[in-house]
Amino acid sequence: MIEVIYLGLMLIFIGFMLLMVALLLSIGKRGEGKVEGGGVVIIGPIPIVFGSNQKIATGLLVLAIVLVALLIILKYSWWIS
């Protein structure tokens, strides 16, 4: 159980580090750029996906379905063993 907590904290730390690297890389760029983004909110097993265009929303939907499936597989595999 402790290992799972450390794994979660490590993933949060890696996410913040990636955010800082992306911020530092974007500071050096000049000129106009196009910003696109999206997000996923997972309530129970149901993902709610939003994005600035169809391509981003589709990619996030696939990612959300994979993550929910992985969550269900891990949850039930730990109950069996």
Protein backbone atom coordinates (compact mmCIF):
# COMPACT_ATOMS: atom_id res chain seq x y z
CA MET A 1 0.00 0.00 0.00
CA ILE A 2 2.85 2.37 0.82
CA GLU A 3 4.39 1.79 -2.62
CA VAL A 4 1.19 2.96 -4.31
CA ILE A 5 1.26 6.19 -2.29
CA TYR A 6 4.88 6.80 -3.28
CA LEU A 7 4.03 6.07 -6.91
CA GLY A 8 1.21 8.63 -6.82
CA LEU A 9 3.43 11.27 -5.24
CA MET A 10 6.15 10.55 -7.79
CA LEU A 11 3.70 10.97 -10.68
CA ILE A 12 2.52 14.30 -9.26
CA PHE A 13 6.14 15.45 -8.91
CA ILE A 14 6.95 14.39 -12.49
CA GLY A 15 3.87 16.28 -13.72
CA PHE A 16 5.00 19.47 -12.01
CA MET A 17 8.51 19.07 -13.41
CA LEU A 18 7.13 18.62 -16.96
CA LEU A 19 5.02 21.73 -16.46
CA MET A 20 8.09 23.72 -15.43
CA VAL A 21 10.12 22.46 -18.40
CA ALA A 22 7.30 23.37 -20.82
CA LEU A 23 7.02 26.80 -19.25
CA LEU A 24 10.76 27.43 -19.57
CA LEU A 25 10.78 26.23 -23.19
CA SER A 26 7.86 28.49 -24.09
CA ILE A 27 9.49 31.58 -22.60
CA GLY A 28 12.28 31.50 -25.20
CA LYS A 29 9.91 31.49 -28.17
CA ARG A 30 8.93 34.75 -29.84
CA GLY A 31 6.04 35.58 -32.13
CA GLU A 32 2.47 34.51 -32.27
CA GLY A 33 1.50 30.98 -31.45
CA LYS A 34 -1.67 28.97 -31.46
CA VAL A 35 -2.80 27.62 -28.12
CA GLU A 36 -4.98 24.55 -27.96
CA GLY A 37 -5.95 22.43 -25.02
CA GLY A 38 -8.45 20.18 -23.40
CA GLY A 39 -9.21 18.18 -20.32
CA VAL A 40 -10.88 15.14 -18.87
CA VAL A 41 -13.00 14.87 -15.74
CA ILE A 42 -13.63 11.29 -14.61
CA ILE A 43 -16.67 10.85 -12.40
CA GLY A 44 -16.86 7.21 -11.41
CA PRO A 45 -16.36 5.19 -14.58
CA ILE A 46 -17.68 7.96 -16.85
CA PRO A 47 -15.17 10.31 -18.53
CA ILE A 48 -16.29 13.82 -19.45
CA VAL A 49 -14.03 15.17 -22.21
CA PHE A 50 -13.65 18.72 -23.49
CA GLY A 51 -11.19 20.25 -25.93
CA SER A 52 -10.55 23.18 -28.19
CA ASN A 53 -10.89 21.05 -31.33
CA GLN A 54 -12.01 17.58 -32.42
CA LYS A 55 -8.48 16.13 -32.65
CA ILE A 56 -7.62 16.97 -29.04
CA ALA A 57 -10.99 15.81 -27.72
CA THR A 58 -10.67 12.47 -29.55
CA GLY A 59 -7.17 11.88 -28.20
CA LEU A 60 -8.25 12.69 -24.66
CA LEU A 61 -11.29 10.42 -24.99
CA VAL A 62 -9.07 7.49 -26.00
CA LEU A 63 -6.73 8.25 -23.10
CA ALA A 64 -9.64 8.45 -20.65
CA ILE A 65 -11.09 5.12 -21.82
CA VAL A 66 -7.69 3.44 -21.47
CA LEU A 67 -7.21 4.87 -17.97
CA VAL A 68 -10.68 3.82 -16.81
CA ALA A 69 -10.15 0.31 -18.20
CA LEU A 70 -6.76 0.10 -16.44
CA LEU A 71 -8.36 1.29 -13.21
CA ILE A 72 -11.06 -1.38 -13.41
CA ILE A 73 -8.55 -4.12 -14.23
CA LEU A 74 -6.24 -3.15 -11.37
CA LYS A 75 -9.10 -2.84 -8.88
CA TYR A 76 -10.52 -6.28 -9.59
CA SER A 77 -7.14 -8.00 -9.91
CA TRP A 78 -6.18 -6.85 -6.41
CA TRP A 79 -9.48 -8.16 -4.99
CA ILE A 80 -8.88 -11.62 -6.46
CA SER A 81 -5.34 -12.03 -5.11
